[in-house]
């Protein structure tokens, strides 16, 4: 649960900024949910959005806004990337940005 929380609540895109006070987040989430276009939850009702990470992360501590990594190239340093069904999620789209990566995926 700690890895999920640290990965999703700290990095996830939510309808609030990291520095948004905890008391304001439920209202921002409700506004974002009500703005979803019809059919956004497929055959399910708006209740399905309660199953995602946003409600879970409402109480994640506020933080100062941090700069992103930007759109330029990543540093050219050796990287070891593990892939498999038990990884926390480093999408394949990152591979081109990591030219010196050594991949170990069990195959």
C-alpha atoms as a PDB file:
ATOM      1  CA  UNK A   1       0.000   0.000   0.000  1.00  0.00           C
ATOM      2  CA  UNK A   2       2.912   2.358   0.702  1.00  0.00           C
ATOM      3  CA  UNK A   3       4.339   1.999  -2.824  1.00  0.00           C
ATOM      4  CA  UNK A   4       0.906   2.666  -4.327  1.00  0.00           C
ATOM      5  CA  UNK A   5       0.425   5.729  -2.165  1.00  0.00           C
ATOM      6  CA  UNK A   6       3.895   7.142  -2.778  1.00  0.00           C
ATOM      7  CA  UNK A   7       3.697   6.541  -6.525  1.00  0.00           C
ATOM      8  CA  UNK A   8       0.124   7.510  -7.279  1.00  0.00           C
ATOM      9  CA  UNK A   9      -0.716  10.168  -4.708  1.00  0.00           C
ATOM     10  CA  UNK A  10       2.576  12.018  -5.096  1.00  0.00           C
ATOM     11  CA  UNK A  11       2.774  11.897  -8.892  1.00  0.00           C
ATOM     12  CA  UNK A  12      -0.774  11.397 -10.107  1.00  0.00           C
ATOM     13  CA  UNK A  13      -2.745  13.986 -12.048  1.00  0.00           C
ATOM     14  CA  UNK A  14      -5.601  15.169  -9.861  1.00  0.00           C
ATOM     15  CA  UNK A  15      -8.028  18.101 -10.076  1.00  0.00           C
ATOM     16  CA  UNK A  16      -6.003  19.841  -7.354  1.00  0.00           C
ATOM     17  CA  UNK A  17      -2.447  21.122  -7.187  1.00  0.00           C
ATOM     18  CA  UNK A  18      -0.016  19.552  -4.684  1.00  0.00           C
ATOM     19  CA  UNK A  19      -0.176  22.654  -2.495  1.00  0.00           C
ATOM     20  CA  UNK A  20      -4.011  22.735  -2.356  1.00  0.00           C
ATOM     21  CA  UNK A  21      -5.215  22.631   1.275  1.00  0.00           C
ATOM     22  CA  UNK A  22      -6.838  19.318   2.224  1.00  0.00           C
ATOM     23  CA  UNK A  23     -10.172  20.992   2.971  1.00  0.00           C
ATOM     24  CA  UNK A  24     -10.514  22.280  -0.603  1.00  0.00           C
ATOM     25  CA  UNK A  25      -9.776  18.994  -2.372  1.00  0.00           C
ATOM     26  CA  UNK A  26     -13.176  17.273  -1.979  1.00  0.00           C
ATOM     27  CA  UNK A  27     -14.920  20.211  -3.657  1.00  0.00           C
ATOM     28  CA  UNK A  28     -12.431  20.238  -6.524  1.00  0.00           C
ATOM     29  CA  UNK A  29     -12.871  16.503  -6.999  1.00  0.00           C
ATOM     30  CA  UNK A  30     -16.675  16.844  -6.981  1.00  0.00           C
ATOM     31  CA  UNK A  31     -16.476  19.615  -9.587  1.00  0.00           C
ATOM     32  CA  UNK A  32     -14.193  17.522 -11.816  1.00  0.00           C
ATOM     33  CA  UNK A  33     -16.470  14.489 -11.496  1.00  0.00           C
ATOM     34  CA  UNK A  34     -19.572  16.483 -12.393  1.00  0.00           C
ATOM     35  CA  UNK A  35     -17.772  17.896 -15.459  1.00  0.00           C
ATOM     36  CA  UNK A  36     -17.083  14.436 -16.927  1.00  0.00           C
ATOM     37  CA  UNK A  37     -18.793  13.992 -20.285  1.00  0.00           C
ATOM     38  CA  UNK A  38     -21.650  11.509 -20.457  1.00  0.00           C
ATOM     39  CA  UNK A  39     -20.310   8.004 -20.998  1.00  0.00           C
ATOM     40  CA  UNK A  40     -16.887   8.720 -19.457  1.00  0.00           C
ATOM     41  CA  UNK A  41     -17.330   5.845 -17.041  1.00  0.00           C
ATOM     42  CA  UNK A  42     -18.508   3.416 -19.712  1.00  0.00           C
ATOM     43  CA  UNK A  43     -21.494   1.349 -18.634  1.00  0.00           C
ATOM     44  CA  UNK A  44     -21.022   2.412 -15.005  1.00  0.00           C
ATOM     45  CA  UNK A  45     -22.360   5.427 -13.192  1.00  0.00           C
ATOM     46  CA  UNK A  46     -20.366   8.274 -11.689  1.00  0.00           C
ATOM     47  CA  UNK A  47     -19.921   6.029  -8.628  1.00  0.00           C
ATOM     48  CA  UNK A  48     -17.173   4.231 -10.578  1.00  0.00           C
ATOM     49  CA  UNK A  49     -14.877   7.221 -10.094  1.00  0.00           C
ATOM     50  CA  UNK A  50     -14.864   6.389  -6.379  1.00  0.00           C
ATOM     51  CA  UNK A  51     -12.805   3.299  -7.241  1.00  0.00           C
ATOM     52  CA  UNK A  52      -9.869   5.258  -8.652  1.00  0.00           C
ATOM     53  CA  UNK A  53      -6.980   6.816  -6.742  1.00  0.00           C
ATOM     54  CA  UNK A  54      -8.361  10.358  -6.410  1.00  0.00           C
ATOM     55  CA  UNK A  55     -10.646   9.663  -3.413  1.00  0.00           C
ATOM     56  CA  UNK A  56      -7.859   7.672  -1.787  1.00  0.00           C
ATOM     57  CA  UNK A  57      -5.400  10.563  -2.227  1.00  0.00           C
ATOM     58  CA  UNK A  58      -7.607  13.366  -0.876  1.00  0.00           C
ATOM     59  CA  UNK A  59      -5.680  13.302   2.408  1.00  0.00           C
ATOM     60  CA  UNK A  60      -2.189  13.054   0.883  1.00  0.00           C
ATOM     61  CA  UNK A  61      -0.122  15.787   2.591  1.00  0.00           C
ATOM     62  CA  UNK A  62       0.111  19.155   0.904  1.00  0.00           C
ATOM     63  CA  UNK A  63       3.467  19.928  -0.692  1.00  0.00           C
ATOM     64  CA  UNK A  64       5.218  22.811  -2.328  1.00  0.00           C
ATOM     65  CA  UNK A  65       4.998  22.671  -6.093  1.00  0.00           C
ATOM     66  CA  UNK A  66       8.067  21.007  -7.586  1.00  0.00           C
ATOM     67  CA  UNK A  67       9.488  21.605 -11.017  1.00  0.00           C
ATOM     68  CA  UNK A  68       8.908  18.841 -13.546  1.00  0.00           C
ATOM     69  CA  UNK A  69      11.688  17.092 -15.392  1.00  0.00           C
ATOM     70  CA  UNK A  70      10.983  19.132 -18.512  1.00  0.00           C
ATOM     71  CA  UNK A  71      10.785  17.948 -22.078  1.00  0.00           C
ATOM     72  CA  UNK A  72      14.498  17.851 -22.873  1.00  0.00           C
ATOM     73  CA  UNK A  73      16.602  14.716 -22.939  1.00  0.00           C
ATOM     74  CA  UNK A  74      17.250  12.802 -19.750  1.00  0.00           C
ATOM     75  CA  UNK A  75      20.866  12.570 -18.571  1.00  0.00           C
ATOM     76  CA  UNK A  76      22.893   9.919 -20.388  1.00  0.00           C
ATOM     77  CA  UNK A  77      23.585   7.668 -17.403  1.00  0.00           C
ATOM     78  CA  UNK A  78      23.410   3.879 -17.024  1.00  0.00           C
ATOM     79  CA  UNK A  79      19.968   2.633 -16.015  1.00  0.00           C
ATOM     80  CA  UNK A  80      18.764  -0.816 -15.049  1.00  0.00           C
ATOM     81  CA  UNK A  81      15.079  -1.258 -15.882  1.00  0.00           C
ATOM     82  CA  UNK A  82      13.140  -4.178 -14.448  1.00  0.00           C
ATOM     83  CA  UNK A  83       9.960  -5.183 -16.247  1.00  0.00           C
ATOM     84  CA  UNK A  84       7.363  -7.745 -15.358  1.00  0.00           C
ATOM     85  CA  UNK A  85       4.009  -8.311 -13.775  1.00  0.00           C
ATOM     86  CA  UNK A  86       5.232  -7.257 -10.321  1.00  0.00           C
ATOM     87  CA  UNK A  87       6.795  -3.906 -11.237  1.00  0.00           C
ATOM     88  CA  UNK A  88       5.422  -0.615  -9.979  1.00  0.00           C
ATOM     89  CA  UNK A  89       5.107   0.680 -13.510  1.00  0.00           C
ATOM     90  CA  UNK A  90       7.707   2.154 -15.788  1.00  0.00           C
ATOM     91  CA  UNK A  91       5.931   2.319 -19.122  1.00  0.00           C
ATOM     92  CA  UNK A  92       7.592   1.093 -22.332  1.00  0.00           C
ATOM     93  CA  UNK A  93       7.304   4.614 -23.764  1.00  0.00           C
ATOM     94  CA  UNK A  94      10.194   5.594 -21.477  1.00  0.00           C
ATOM     95  CA  UNK A  95      12.632   3.191 -23.188  1.00  0.00           C
ATOM     96  CA  UNK A  96      13.543   5.558 -26.031  1.00  0.00           C
ATOM     97  CA  UNK A  97      14.382   8.239 -23.456  1.00  0.00           C
ATOM     98  CA  UNK A  98      16.783   5.868 -21.661  1.00  0.00           C
ATOM     99  CA  UNK A  99      19.289   4.892 -24.388  1.00  0.00           C
ATOM    100  CA  UNK A 100      21.776   3.269 -22.006  1.00  0.00           C
ATOM    101  CA  UNK A 101      19.216   1.169 -20.160  1.00  0.00           C
ATOM    102  CA  UNK A 102      19.929  -2.509 -19.538  1.00  0.00           C
ATOM    103  CA  UNK A 103      16.650  -4.367 -19.549  1.00  0.00           C
ATOM    104  CA  UNK A 104      15.977  -7.399 -17.374  1.00  0.00           C
ATOM    105  CA  UNK A 105      12.501  -8.817 -17.875  1.00  0.00           C
ATOM    106  CA  UNK A 106      12.941 -12.496 -17.133  1.00  0.00           C
ATOM    107  CA  UNK A 107      12.718 -13.585 -20.766  1.00  0.00           C
END
